[in-house]
């Protein structure tokens, strides 16, 4: 289970950034998300091998590498 604020905190920590979170008025939604991976495991024979924060870190590094490589091309 992770809240949107926790997800934002993970991303900021991994990126080495500190941003202010701004909450705006609007309808209240779900307070958090929890992934149930039974269906993907059943249909594809796959399940996550990393915790969420580690997966975000790995994805962040990949995206950063893609951005850097595009800067070198252009």
Protein backbone atom coordinates (compact mmCIF):
# COMPACT_ATOMS: atom_id res chain seq x y z
CA UNK A 1 0.00 0.00 0.00
CA UNK A 2 1.36 3.41 -0.94
CA UNK A 3 -0.13 6.88 -0.86
CA UNK A 4 0.36 9.37 -3.67
CA UNK A 5 2.39 11.51 -1.24
CA UNK A 6 4.65 8.54 -0.49
CA UNK A 7 5.07 7.90 -4.21
CA UNK A 8 6.06 11.55 -4.72
CA UNK A 9 8.49 11.36 -1.78
CA UNK A 10 10.11 8.22 -3.26
CA UNK A 11 10.55 9.94 -6.62
CA UNK A 12 12.05 13.07 -5.04
CA UNK A 13 14.42 11.05 -2.88
CA UNK A 14 15.61 8.96 -5.83
CA UNK A 15 16.06 12.05 -8.02
CA UNK A 16 17.81 13.96 -5.25
CA UNK A 17 15.22 16.74 -5.43
CA UNK A 18 13.05 18.40 -2.82
CA UNK A 19 9.84 19.89 -4.15
CA UNK A 20 6.85 21.32 -2.35
CA UNK A 21 3.73 19.23 -2.67
CA UNK A 22 0.68 21.37 -3.33
CA UNK A 23 -2.71 19.98 -2.48
CA UNK A 24 -5.58 21.53 -4.39
CA UNK A 25 -9.28 21.44 -3.69
CA UNK A 26 -11.12 18.74 -5.51
CA UNK A 27 -12.96 15.48 -5.09
CA UNK A 28 -11.44 13.01 -2.67
CA UNK A 29 -10.34 9.81 -4.24
CA UNK A 30 -8.71 6.67 -3.00
CA UNK A 31 -6.24 7.29 -0.17
CA UNK A 32 -3.70 4.78 -1.50
CA UNK A 33 -3.05 2.01 -3.96
CA UNK A 34 -2.23 -1.61 -3.40
CA UNK A 35 -1.28 -3.83 -6.31
CA UNK A 36 -2.80 -7.29 -6.56
CA UNK A 37 -0.53 -9.14 -8.96
CA UNK A 38 -2.38 -12.46 -9.04
CA UNK A 39 -3.81 -11.92 -12.53
CA UNK A 40 -0.52 -10.95 -14.18
CA UNK A 41 1.19 -13.90 -12.47
CA UNK A 42 -1.59 -16.22 -13.68
CA UNK A 43 -1.72 -14.94 -17.28
CA UNK A 44 1.94 -14.10 -17.95
CA UNK A 45 3.79 -16.18 -15.39
CA UNK A 46 5.48 -13.00 -14.17
CA UNK A 47 5.59 -11.23 -10.84
CA UNK A 48 7.55 -8.23 -9.58
CA UNK A 49 11.01 -9.12 -8.32
CA UNK A 50 11.77 -5.75 -6.68
CA UNK A 51 10.04 -3.65 -4.06
CA UNK A 52 8.30 -0.54 -5.41
CA UNK A 53 10.99 1.93 -4.34
CA UNK A 54 13.78 -0.15 -5.91
CA UNK A 55 11.77 -0.46 -9.12
CA UNK A 56 11.23 3.29 -9.26
CA UNK A 57 14.97 3.84 -8.75
CA UNK A 58 15.82 1.43 -11.56
CA UNK A 59 13.28 3.06 -13.87
CA UNK A 60 14.54 6.55 -12.98
CA UNK A 61 18.10 5.59 -13.89
CA UNK A 62 16.93 4.15 -17.22
CA UNK A 63 14.93 7.30 -18.07
CA UNK A 64 17.87 9.51 -17.05
CA UNK A 65 20.19 7.52 -19.35
CA UNK A 66 17.69 7.94 -22.21
CA UNK A 67 17.52 11.70 -21.69
CA UNK A 68 21.31 11.99 -21.54
CA UNK A 69 21.75 9.91 -24.71
CA UNK A 70 19.22 12.09 -26.57
CA UNK A 71 21.12 15.22 -25.55
CA UNK A 72 24.28 13.70 -27.06
CA UNK A 73 22.47 12.93 -30.34
CA UNK A 74 20.91 16.37 -30.76
